[in-house]
Amino acid sequence: MSKEKHKLIDPNEFALAVISSIPLKGDSPETIAEEKLNYYLAAYEKALEFNDSYKKNENLLERYKRLNNI
């Protein structure tokens, strides 16, 4: 069994993918830009939260393995 390490999410790439998948809505370019920016920022923040959570869980698992000589 290979020990493949999971990669963290690149927040910028994830946020760009999210906004590119959302159809344009709005009456003006400013409205569209504001909506896309809101989605970008929310997606970026979610990716950071995921990465932080993943790192914490990974660290806990490593400590557990060391304590139990796994």
C-alpha atoms as a PDB file:
ATOM      1  CA  MET A   1       0.000   0.000   0.000  1.00  0.00           C
ATOM      2  CA  SER A   2       1.524   3.328  -1.012  1.00  0.00           C
ATOM      3  CA  LYS A   3       1.711   6.215   1.412  1.00  0.00           C
ATOM      4  CA  GLU A   4       0.386   8.907  -0.864  1.00  0.00           C
ATOM      5  CA  LYS A   5       0.134  12.244   0.891  1.00  0.00           C
ATOM      6  CA  HIS A   6      -2.936  14.282   0.150  1.00  0.00           C
ATOM      7  CA  LYS A   7      -2.334  17.681  -1.283  1.00  0.00           C
ATOM      8  CA  LEU A   8      -3.840  20.783   0.166  1.00  0.00           C
ATOM      9  CA  ILE A   9      -6.227  22.882  -1.870  1.00  0.00           C
ATOM     10  CA  ASP A  10      -4.716  25.910  -3.560  1.00  0.00           C
ATOM     11  CA  PRO A  11      -7.097  28.652  -2.386  1.00  0.00           C
ATOM     12  CA  ASN A  12      -6.582  30.856  -5.444  1.00  0.00           C
ATOM     13  CA  GLU A  13      -7.108  28.044  -7.948  1.00  0.00           C
ATOM     14  CA  PHE A  14     -10.168  26.823  -6.057  1.00  0.00           C
ATOM     15  CA  ALA A  15     -11.712  30.300  -5.867  1.00  0.00           C
ATOM     16  CA  LEU A  16     -11.083  30.895  -9.580  1.00  0.00           C
ATOM     17  CA  ALA A  17     -12.721  27.569 -10.415  1.00  0.00           C
ATOM     18  CA  VAL A  18     -15.746  28.465  -8.321  1.00  0.00           C
ATOM     19  CA  ILE A  19     -16.285  31.860  -9.920  1.00  0.00           C
ATOM     20  CA  SER A  20     -15.731  30.512 -13.415  1.00  0.00           C
ATOM     21  CA  SER A  21     -18.476  27.945 -12.841  1.00  0.00           C
ATOM     22  CA  ILE A  22     -21.079  30.520 -11.809  1.00  0.00           C
ATOM     23  CA  PRO A  23     -23.168  32.087 -14.583  1.00  0.00           C
ATOM     24  CA  LEU A  24     -23.101  35.852 -14.926  1.00  0.00           C
ATOM     25  CA  LYS A  25     -25.991  37.639 -13.263  1.00  0.00           C
ATOM     26  CA  GLY A  26     -26.611  41.308 -12.787  1.00  0.00           C
ATOM     27  CA  ASP A  27     -27.640  44.485 -14.518  1.00  0.00           C
ATOM     28  CA  SER A  28     -24.237  46.112 -14.726  1.00  0.00           C
ATOM     29  CA  PRO A  29     -20.577  45.119 -14.862  1.00  0.00           C
ATOM     30  CA  GLU A  30     -20.184  46.509 -11.338  1.00  0.00           C
ATOM     31  CA  THR A  31     -22.944  44.258  -9.990  1.00  0.00           C
ATOM     32  CA  ILE A  32     -21.450  41.241 -11.717  1.00  0.00           C
ATOM     33  CA  ALA A  33     -17.964  42.082 -10.423  1.00  0.00           C
ATOM     34  CA  GLU A  34     -19.253  42.492  -6.879  1.00  0.00           C
ATOM     35  CA  GLU A  35     -21.076  39.160  -7.017  1.00  0.00           C
ATOM     36  CA  LYS A  36     -18.044  37.351  -8.439  1.00  0.00           C
ATOM     37  CA  LEU A  37     -15.785  38.955  -5.827  1.00  0.00           C
ATOM     38  CA  ASN A  38     -18.079  37.790  -3.033  1.00  0.00           C
ATOM     39  CA  TYR A  39     -18.000  34.224  -4.384  1.00  0.00           C
ATOM     40  CA  TYR A  40     -14.219  34.390  -4.845  1.00  0.00           C
ATOM     41  CA  LEU A  41     -13.622  35.553  -1.276  1.00  0.00           C
ATOM     42  CA  ALA A  42     -16.006  32.980   0.189  1.00  0.00           C
ATOM     43  CA  ALA A  43     -14.407  30.141  -1.790  1.00  0.00           C
ATOM     44  CA  TYR A  44     -10.888  31.304  -0.889  1.00  0.00           C
ATOM     45  CA  GLU A  45     -11.793  31.392   2.807  1.00  0.00           C
ATOM     46  CA  LYS A  46     -13.392  27.933   2.643  1.00  0.00           C
ATOM     47  CA  ALA A  47     -10.252  26.493   1.043  1.00  0.00           C
ATOM     48  CA  LEU A  48      -8.114  28.003   3.816  1.00  0.00           C
ATOM     49  CA  GLU A  49     -10.454  26.564   6.457  1.00  0.00           C
ATOM     50  CA  PHE A  50     -10.299  23.140   4.811  1.00  0.00           C
ATOM     51  CA  ASN A  51      -6.500  23.235   4.653  1.00  0.00           C
ATOM     52  CA  ASP A  52      -6.217  24.255   8.309  1.00  0.00           C
ATOM     53  CA  SER A  53      -8.591  21.491   9.379  1.00  0.00           C
ATOM     54  CA  TYR A  54      -6.768  18.926   7.249  1.00  0.00           C
ATOM     55  CA  LYS A  55      -3.375  19.897   8.671  1.00  0.00           C
ATOM     56  CA  LYS A  56      -4.668  19.655  12.251  1.00  0.00           C
ATOM     57  CA  ASN A  57      -6.186  16.232  11.618  1.00  0.00           C
ATOM     58  CA  GLU A  58      -3.045  15.044   9.881  1.00  0.00           C
ATOM     59  CA  ASN A  59      -0.912  16.199  12.819  1.00  0.00           C
ATOM     60  CA  LEU A  60      -3.215  14.473  15.312  1.00  0.00           C
ATOM     61  CA  LEU A  61      -3.061  11.235  13.327  1.00  0.00           C
ATOM     62  CA  GLU A  62       0.742  11.363  13.202  1.00  0.00           C
ATOM     63  CA  ARG A  63       0.951  11.911  16.965  1.00  0.00           C
ATOM     64  CA  TYR A  64      -1.478   9.050  17.567  1.00  0.00           C
ATOM     65  CA  LYS A  65       0.614   6.743  15.386  1.00  0.00           C
ATOM     66  CA  ARG A  66       3.826   7.682  17.200  1.00  0.00           C
ATOM     67  CA  LEU A  67       2.201   7.142  20.616  1.00  0.00           C
ATOM     68  CA  ASN A  68       0.911   3.741  19.593  1.00  0.00           C
ATOM     69  CA  ASN A  69       3.956   2.724  17.529  1.00  0.00           C
ATOM     70  CA  ILE A  70       1.853   2.166  14.440  1.00  0.00           C
END
